[in-house]
Structure formats: structure tokens, C-alpha cells
Amino acid sequence: MSPAPLALSLGDPAGVGPEIVAKAWAALRGSGPAFMVIGDAELLRTAANIRRVGAPRDVADVFPDAIPVLDVPLASPVVSGQPSADHAQAIIRWIETGVGLALSGQVSGLVTAPIAKAPLYEAGFGFPGHTEFLAELTSGQPYDGCRGPVMMLAAQDLRVALVTIHEPLAAVPGLLNIDRIVTAGLCTAQALRRDFGIERPRLAVAGLNPHSGEGGAIGREEVEIIGPAVEALRAQAVDAIGPLPADTLFHAEARATYDAVLCMYHDQALIPVKMLDFWGGVNVTLGLPIVRTSPDHGTGFAIAGRGLARADSLIAAIRLAAKIADRRARA
């Protein structure tokens, strides 16, 4: 039997989502993983040839010739580059529909195009971002393993996982605790084995403070929280080292010594990924009962509708989602 297709939620319709979806389909239609789009069919029609589908089983026949679209229409027109709270309910429905299809097994995974948080917040959206919303939508579902969500970014030979995600930097020290770091480490180690095929994953754990605190002279988090968390991970058979100074963790020689870095906050993780491969990074959500990836970039409102957006990251996200789904199916 052919593998189930992926579902791709369209993201913010005023951003680059429609354009990069069309470009990804053009790049993958010959030999890449098949996917269906959940979104507004008429909006996509301006970007590429589309065909409405009623169920994921139709995708394999449609995909070589057109983008298969499960049509969930917008309630108001779209102006490229101008996000609107009027689109929020449709964006949320696209994500919810994709999650439902993935949970039911009708699709093998969900790839999410970028959303903008501000218009969703204006419409009453109660989650910091995609990752937290997906965790809520899947919270009641059975899952064999460490429960997240944990955000991972992957680019070339670098994988970084985050202990805290979309939090103000001033709040990060107060949010760190041993249990939170251990959970993120366990989820990361499990994903490296199951989803990335690494039999004995090696985990490097970054410190929070400059020079990893210098034994408590420049902050106590490494001594009181991060170090004990590393010991707890080792006690649970995770090959973890740290806490290590973040400024020496990401050059080529260092990357050869581990399979992933556990980072304490958002920019500690994302800056090295984007320096290494700005166009090709992928966001992967660990610790969920569904496969989920997304491009490692935002909505691109400044260039939306101008034909300038690159689809590299979305293509990489689609390919990685398909690989992870295949590994899980074979496990």
C-alpha cells in the first residue's frame, strides 16, 4: 500500500504560505512525498493549479498534476502582506482539521505553514504559538513515550531542542527547573532514537549564563538546576553532558561530539541554526502522538504576493515529516 499523504495547513493567508506551498508542490510533484493542503482553494488557485479533494485517499492520484486541496474557505478576502484577525478562525480550523486527520491516521503527519500570532491573539487565540496549540489538541490522545511538546530545530548536522520556547528572556531563569529540563532531555533522546534513527543518542546540555556560570560565580542556575538535571538524565540512561558554555557548542568540531543540544531559551537555539542554514532549517515538535514539522521562518508579510519567497525550508519540512512518519510506521 502507498503511504498516507501528509497534510499541510496553509498558515496565515496574507503571508508567503500560498506561494511557498505552490513552489514546494512544483519541486516535489515528480518524486517527493505527496501532500494535501488544508486551506482556501480559491486563494491557492491564484498561486498554482489546484484540485479539490474530499478525502486523503484521493491525494495520490491528484498530486502529480495539481495541488490536492481540502477546501475550508476564508470568510473574508485576503490582501497579501496585510494580516487580519478576520482570518483567525479559518487559520485555526485548518490546523484543527490537520491534527484530526493525523490522529485518525488518514494522513501520516502534519506540516504547518507559518502563522502570525498578533492577529490570532486579537481574535482571542489563547496559546503562545503553534507548538502549544498542537499540544492542547493532542493532549487527550494516547502516546507511548515522553510527552512534550518540545521544540526542535534541525539544519544540516545540527539539532537543537528547547527547554523554554516563546518566553520573555527575563522570565527564563524563573521557568527553569530540574523536572522541566529532564522532560525535554528525555523527549529529545527518545525522538533521536525513534524519529531520527540514532541508536545511542548523545545529548549536550547548554548552560544559561556566560561561561556556563563559572562554578556559580556568574549565576547559580548551572549549579542548582541544570547540573542536577544532567545527572538525573544520566541516571535514566541518557548519554548527556553539561552544562556546557553555549558560545563554544556550535562550531563544526563541537557538532561532531553530540547528536543534539538541549538549549535553555529560544535565541540560544535558533541563532546557531539560522547561521548554519538560514534557508533550510526545519522546526520539529517532539513528544506528540502525531508527526509535525514546519518551516523555520515566519509569515514573510513584507514580501508576500511578490514572488520572492523561497520554499527551501518548507520542502525540507515536508521531506523530514515523511522520513519521520516512515520510521514510525516501520517501528
Protein backbone atom coordinates (compact mmCIF):
# COMPACT_ATOMS: atom_id res chain seq x y z
CA MET A 1 0.00 0.00 0.00
CA SER A 2 1.13 3.55 -0.67
CA PRO A 3 1.91 5.54 2.47
CA ALA A 4 -0.70 8.01 3.62
CA PRO A 5 -0.06 11.52 2.36
CA LEU A 6 0.98 14.41 4.56
CA ALA A 7 -1.39 17.25 5.40
CA LEU A 8 -0.18 20.81 5.06
CA SER A 9 -2.06 23.63 6.79
CA LEU A 10 -1.87 26.86 4.81
CA GLY A 11 -0.81 29.20 7.61
CA ASP A 12 -1.61 32.89 7.50
CA PRO A 13 -3.22 33.50 4.10
CA ALA A 14 -1.79 37.03 3.87
CA GLY A 15 1.76 35.71 4.23
CA VAL A 16 4.04 33.66 1.99
CA GLY A 17 2.19 30.40 2.75
CA PRO A 18 0.27 30.14 -0.56
CA GLU A 19 3.39 30.94 -2.59
CA ILE A 20 5.75 28.52 -0.87
CA VAL A 21 3.12 25.78 -0.94
CA ALA A 22 2.86 26.16 -4.70
CA LYS A 23 6.65 26.16 -5.06
CA ALA A 24 7.01 23.12 -2.82
CA TRP A 25 4.44 21.23 -4.87
CA ALA A 26 6.27 22.12 -8.09
CA ALA A 27 9.53 20.83 -6.60
CA LEU A 28 8.09 17.60 -5.16
CA ARG A 29 5.40 16.54 -7.62
CA GLY A 30 7.78 14.32 -9.56
CA SER A 31 9.50 12.35 -6.84
CA GLY A 32 8.86 13.87 -3.42
CA PRO A 33 6.36 12.99 -0.69
CA ALA A 34 2.73 13.62 -1.62
CA PHE A 35 0.76 16.09 0.46
CA MET A 36 -2.66 17.66 0.60
CA VAL A 37 -3.32 21.25 1.59
CA ILE A 38 -5.94 22.28 4.12
CA GLY A 39 -6.96 25.82 3.30
CA ASP A 40 -8.86 28.12 1.00
CA ALA A 41 -8.94 26.62 -2.51
CA GLU A 42 -9.64 29.88 -4.30
CA LEU A 43 -6.72 31.58 -2.60
CA LEU A 44 -4.40 28.81 -3.73
CA ARG A 45 -5.83 28.89 -7.24
CA THR A 46 -4.09 32.21 -7.78
CA ALA A 47 -0.75 30.58 -6.96
CA ALA A 48 -0.98 27.21 -8.73
CA ASN A 49 -3.15 24.58 -10.36
CA ILE A 50 -5.34 23.03 -7.66
CA ARG A 51 -7.98 20.35 -7.39
CA ARG A 52 -10.40 19.98 -4.51
CA VAL A 53 -10.36 16.61 -2.79
CA GLY A 54 -12.87 15.12 -0.44
CA ALA A 55 -10.58 12.73 1.40
CA PRO A 56 -6.86 11.99 1.76
CA ARG A 57 -7.23 8.76 -0.22
CA ASP A 58 -7.63 10.85 -3.38
CA VAL A 59 -4.28 12.59 -2.99
CA ALA A 60 -2.02 10.05 -4.71
CA ASP A 61 -3.97 10.33 -7.97
CA VAL A 62 -4.24 14.12 -7.88
CA PHE A 63 -0.79 15.15 -6.64
CA PRO A 64 1.23 14.64 -9.84
CA ASP A 65 -0.99 17.05 -11.76
CA ALA A 66 -2.37 19.51 -9.21
CA ILE A 67 -2.24 20.51 -5.57
CA PRO A 68 -4.91 18.50 -3.73
CA VAL A 69 -6.86 20.92 -1.52
CA LEU A 70 -9.30 20.11 1.24
CA ASP A 71 -11.27 23.32 0.93
CA VAL A 72 -12.01 25.17 4.17
CA PRO A 73 -12.84 28.65 2.85
CA LEU A 74 -11.99 32.01 4.35
CA ALA A 75 -14.81 34.28 5.47
CA SER A 76 -13.28 37.46 4.02
CA PRO A 77 -10.90 38.48 1.21
CA VAL A 78 -7.14 38.45 1.63
CA VAL A 79 -4.71 41.26 0.88
CA SER A 80 -1.15 39.96 0.62
CA GLY A 81 1.05 41.37 3.33
CA GLN A 82 -1.86 42.60 5.45
CA PRO A 83 -2.75 40.13 8.22
CA SER A 84 -6.24 40.31 9.65
CA ALA A 85 -7.99 38.93 12.70
CA ASP A 86 -10.88 38.18 10.33
CA HIS A 87 -8.87 35.21 9.07
CA ALA A 88 -8.12 33.79 12.52
CA GLN A 89 -11.00 31.33 12.75
CA ALA A 90 -10.17 29.81 9.37
CA ILE A 91 -6.47 29.51 10.26
CA ILE A 92 -7.39 27.74 13.49
CA ARG A 93 -9.80 25.40 11.67
CA TRP A 94 -7.08 24.49 9.16
CA ILE A 95 -4.78 23.45 11.98
CA GLU A 96 -7.52 21.59 13.86
CA THR A 97 -8.52 19.72 10.71
CA GLY A 98 -4.93 18.68 10.05
CA VAL A 99 -4.49 17.42 13.59
CA GLY A 100 -7.73 15.44 13.35
CA LEU A 101 -6.63 13.78 10.12
CA ALA A 102 -3.25 12.91 11.61
CA LEU A 103 -4.76 11.48 14.80
CA SER A 104 -7.13 9.32 12.76
CA GLY A 105 -4.29 8.00 10.59
CA GLN A 106 -5.77 9.38 7.38
CA VAL A 107 -2.59 11.40 6.89
CA SER A 108 0.87 10.38 8.03
CA GLY A 109 1.81 13.74 9.51
CA LEU A 110 1.11 17.46 9.62
CA VAL A 111 3.29 20.20 8.13
CA THR A 112 2.24 23.68 9.17
CA ALA A 113 2.93 26.81 7.13
CA PRO A 114 3.76 29.90 9.22
CA ILE A 115 1.16 31.76 11.25
CA ALA A 116 1.30 35.25 12.76
CA LYS A 117 0.47 35.41 16.44
CA ALA A 118 -0.77 39.01 16.73
CA PRO A 119 -3.94 38.66 14.57
CA LEU A 120 -4.75 35.37 16.29
CA TYR A 121 -4.37 36.97 19.71
CA GLU A 122 -6.62 39.80 18.57
CA ALA A 123 -9.28 37.21 17.78
CA GLY A 124 -8.94 35.56 21.20
CA PHE A 125 -6.42 32.78 20.46
CA GLY A 126 -5.19 31.61 23.86
CA PHE A 127 -1.88 29.91 23.07
CA PRO A 128 1.65 31.31 22.72
CA GLY A 129 2.08 29.65 19.32
CA HIS A 130 1.60 26.67 17.04
CA THR A 131 3.52 24.25 19.28
CA GLU A 132 1.47 24.87 22.39
CA PHE A 133 -1.81 24.74 20.44
CA LEU A 134 -0.87 21.38 18.91
CA ALA A 135 -0.06 20.06 22.37
CA GLU A 136 -3.55 21.02 23.56
CA LEU A 137 -5.26 19.49 20.52
CA THR A 138 -3.49 16.16 21.11
CA SER A 139 -3.49 16.19 24.92
CA GLY A 140 -6.19 13.56 25.36
CA GLN A 141 -4.73 11.09 22.89
CA PRO A 142 -2.70 8.00 23.86
CA TYR A 143 1.03 8.25 23.27
CA ASP A 144 3.74 5.72 24.03
CA GLY A 145 6.70 7.70 25.29
CA CYS A 146 7.83 11.01 26.71
CA ARG A 147 5.09 13.61 26.40
CA GLY A 148 6.02 17.08 25.14
CA PRO A 149 5.72 19.38 23.46
CA VAL A 150 9.40 20.02 22.92
CA MET A 151 10.50 22.22 20.04
CA MET A 152 13.46 21.01 17.99
CA LEU A 153 15.14 22.81 15.12
CA ALA A 154 17.17 20.82 12.62
CA ALA A 155 19.57 22.15 10.00
CA GLN A 156 22.26 20.13 8.24
CA ASP A 157 24.18 18.31 11.04
CA LEU A 158 22.79 20.43 13.88
CA ARG A 159 19.75 19.66 16.04
CA VAL A 160 18.74 21.88 18.94
CA ALA A 161 15.90 21.30 21.39
CA LEU A 162 14.42 23.98 23.65
CA VAL A 163 13.56 23.85 27.32
CA THR A 164 11.63 27.14 27.15
CA ILE A 165 10.14 28.43 23.91
CA HIS A 166 8.30 31.71 23.40
CA GLU A 167 9.06 33.32 26.72
CA PRO A 168 10.48 36.75 27.58
CA LEU A 169 14.18 36.43 28.27
CA ALA A 170 13.72 37.99 31.71
CA ALA A 171 11.31 35.18 32.63
CA VAL A 172 13.56 32.27 31.57
CA PRO A 173 15.59 31.79 34.79
CA GLY A 174 12.41 31.53 36.84
CA LEU A 175 10.93 28.98 34.44
CA LEU A 176 13.87 26.59 34.59
CA ASN A 177 13.65 23.66 36.95
CA ILE A 178 15.09 20.17 37.09
CA ASP A 179 11.89 18.39 36.03
CA ARG A 180 11.39 20.63 33.00
CA ILE A 181 14.94 20.11 31.77
CA VAL A 182 14.77 16.35 32.36
CA THR A 183 11.49 16.06 30.45
CA ALA A 184 12.91 17.99 27.50
CA GLY A 185 16.02 15.82 27.57
CA LEU A 186 14.07 12.56 27.71
CA CYS A 187 11.79 13.62 24.85
CA THR A 188 14.79 14.65 22.78
CA ALA A 189 16.65 11.40 23.38
CA GLN A 190 13.54 9.37 22.53
CA ALA A 191 12.98 11.33 19.32
CA LEU A 192 16.60 10.92 18.26
CA ARG A 193 16.19 7.16 18.56
CA ARG A 194 12.71 6.72 17.13
CA ASP A 195 12.36 9.57 14.63
CA PHE A 196 15.95 10.12 13.51
CA GLY A 197 17.24 6.54 13.69
CA ILE A 198 20.12 7.26 16.12
CA GLU A 199 20.54 4.15 18.23
CA ARG A 200 22.62 5.71 21.02
CA PRO A 201 21.94 9.44 21.03
CA ARG A 202 24.40 11.85 22.62
CA LEU A 203 22.91 14.95 24.22
CA ALA A 204 24.84 18.12 25.04
CA VAL A 205 23.17 20.43 27.56
CA ALA A 206 23.88 24.15 27.35
CA GLY A 207 24.31 26.38 30.34
CA LEU A 208 22.23 29.51 30.84
CA ASN A 209 24.86 32.02 31.93
CA PRO A 210 28.09 33.21 30.28
CA HIS A 211 30.83 30.57 30.59
CA SER A 212 28.18 28.24 31.99
CA GLY A 213 28.19 30.21 35.23
CA GLU A 214 31.88 29.60 36.08
CA GLY A 215 31.03 27.36 39.02
CA GLY A 216 28.43 29.75 40.38
CA ALA A 217 30.47 32.94 40.06
CA ILE A 218 28.27 34.22 37.18
CA GLY A 219 24.92 32.76 38.17
CA ARG A 220 23.73 29.76 40.14
CA GLU A 221 21.39 28.06 37.63
CA GLU A 222 24.08 25.68 36.38
CA VAL A 223 24.96 24.57 39.91
CA GLU A 224 21.47 24.35 41.35
CA ILE A 225 19.29 23.36 38.36
CA ILE A 226 20.99 22.45 35.10
CA GLY A 227 23.80 20.32 36.54
CA PRO A 228 21.44 18.23 38.71
CA ALA A 229 19.14 17.82 35.69
CA VAL A 230 22.04 16.42 33.65
CA GLU A 231 22.79 13.96 36.46
CA ALA A 232 19.12 12.94 36.53
CA LEU A 233 19.18 12.32 32.77
CA ARG A 234 22.27 10.14 33.14
CA ALA A 235 20.51 8.21 35.89
CA GLN A 236 17.79 7.45 33.31
CA ALA A 237 20.31 6.11 30.79
CA VAL A 238 20.55 9.25 28.66
CA ASP A 239 24.08 9.96 27.41
CA ALA A 240 24.08 13.61 28.47
CA ILE A 241 26.96 16.01 29.15
CA GLY A 242 26.90 19.51 30.58
CA PRO A 243 26.11 22.14 31.43
CA LEU A 244 28.42 23.49 28.72
CA PRO A 245 29.15 27.09 27.67
CA ALA A 246 26.86 27.91 24.76
CA ASP A 247 29.44 30.05 22.97
CA THR A 248 31.62 27.00 22.23
CA LEU A 249 28.90 24.47 21.43
CA PHE A 250 28.07 25.10 17.79
CA HIS A 251 31.25 25.14 15.68
CA ALA A 252 31.97 22.18 13.39
CA GLU A 253 34.28 20.29 15.74
CA ALA A 254 31.83 20.60 18.62
CA ARG A 255 28.91 19.43 16.48
CA ALA A 256 30.75 16.17 15.83
CA THR A 257 30.60 15.28 19.54
CA TYR A 258 26.82 15.18 20.02
CA ASP A 259 23.55 14.42 18.23
CA ALA A 260 21.54 17.30 19.70
CA VAL A 261 21.94 20.26 22.04
CA LEU A 262 19.42 20.98 24.74
CA CYS A 263 19.15 24.77 24.93
CA MET A 264 17.63 26.81 27.71
CA TYR A 265 15.88 29.54 25.69
CA HIS A 266 14.70 30.49 22.21
CA ASP A 267 17.56 32.53 20.73
CA GLN A 268 20.25 30.32 22.26
CA ALA A 269 18.93 27.59 19.97
CA LEU A 270 17.71 29.45 16.90
CA ILE A 271 20.66 31.76 16.26
CA PRO A 272 23.14 28.92 15.53
CA VAL A 273 20.59 27.06 13.40
CA LYS A 274 19.89 30.11 11.27
CA MET A 275 23.56 30.99 11.00
CA LEU A 276 24.31 27.47 9.77
CA ASP A 277 21.43 27.14 7.30
CA PHE A 278 19.15 30.16 7.16
CA TRP A 279 17.01 28.84 4.30
CA GLY A 280 16.84 25.15 5.08
CA GLY A 281 16.11 24.77 8.79
CA VAL A 282 13.10 22.74 9.98
CA ASN A 283 11.03 23.02 13.14
CA VAL A 284 10.02 19.61 14.57
CA THR A 285 7.65 19.14 17.52
CA LEU A 286 8.74 16.28 19.76
CA GLY A 287 6.64 14.38 22.25
CA LEU A 288 3.32 14.39 20.37
CA PRO A 289 1.24 11.44 19.13
CA ILE A 290 1.40 12.92 15.61
CA VAL A 291 4.28 13.86 13.33
CA ARG A 292 4.56 17.62 12.98
CA THR A 293 7.12 19.79 11.22
CA SER A 294 7.15 23.34 9.89
CA PRO A 295 9.45 25.77 8.10
CA ASP A 296 11.92 27.59 10.29
CA HIS A 297 10.72 31.06 9.30
CA GLY A 298 7.78 33.37 9.72
CA THR A 299 4.97 34.65 7.55
CA GLY A 300 7.10 37.00 5.44
CA PHE A 301 4.44 39.69 5.15
CA ALA A 302 6.98 42.14 3.71
CA ILE A 303 7.47 40.01 0.60
CA ALA A 304 4.09 38.23 0.41
CA GLY A 305 2.48 38.22 -3.02
CA ARG A 306 5.63 39.39 -4.81
CA GLY A 307 7.00 36.03 -5.97
CA LEU A 308 10.16 36.39 -3.87
CA ALA A 309 9.62 33.77 -1.16
CA ARG A 310 11.87 30.73 -1.10
CA ALA A 311 10.35 27.34 -0.36
CA ASP A 312 13.56 25.62 0.77
CA SER A 313 12.54 25.33 4.42
CA LEU A 314 9.03 24.10 3.62
CA ILE A 315 10.40 21.50 1.23
CA ALA A 316 12.85 20.35 3.91
CA ALA A 317 9.99 20.21 6.43
CA ILE A 318 7.89 18.06 4.10
CA ARG A 319 10.77 15.68 3.42
CA LEU A 320 11.63 15.36 7.12
CA ALA A 321 8.00 14.76 8.11
CA ALA A 322 7.79 11.97 5.55
CA LYS A 323 11.00 10.37 6.86
CA ILE A 324 9.83 10.50 10.47
CA ALA A 325 6.41 9.11 9.55
CA ASP A 326 8.05 6.27 7.66
CA ARG A 327 10.30 5.40 10.62
CA ARG A 328 7.34 5.39 13.00
CA ALA A 329 5.34 3.19 10.63
CA ARG A 330 8.18 0.68 10.46
CA ALA A 331 8.87 0.61 14.21
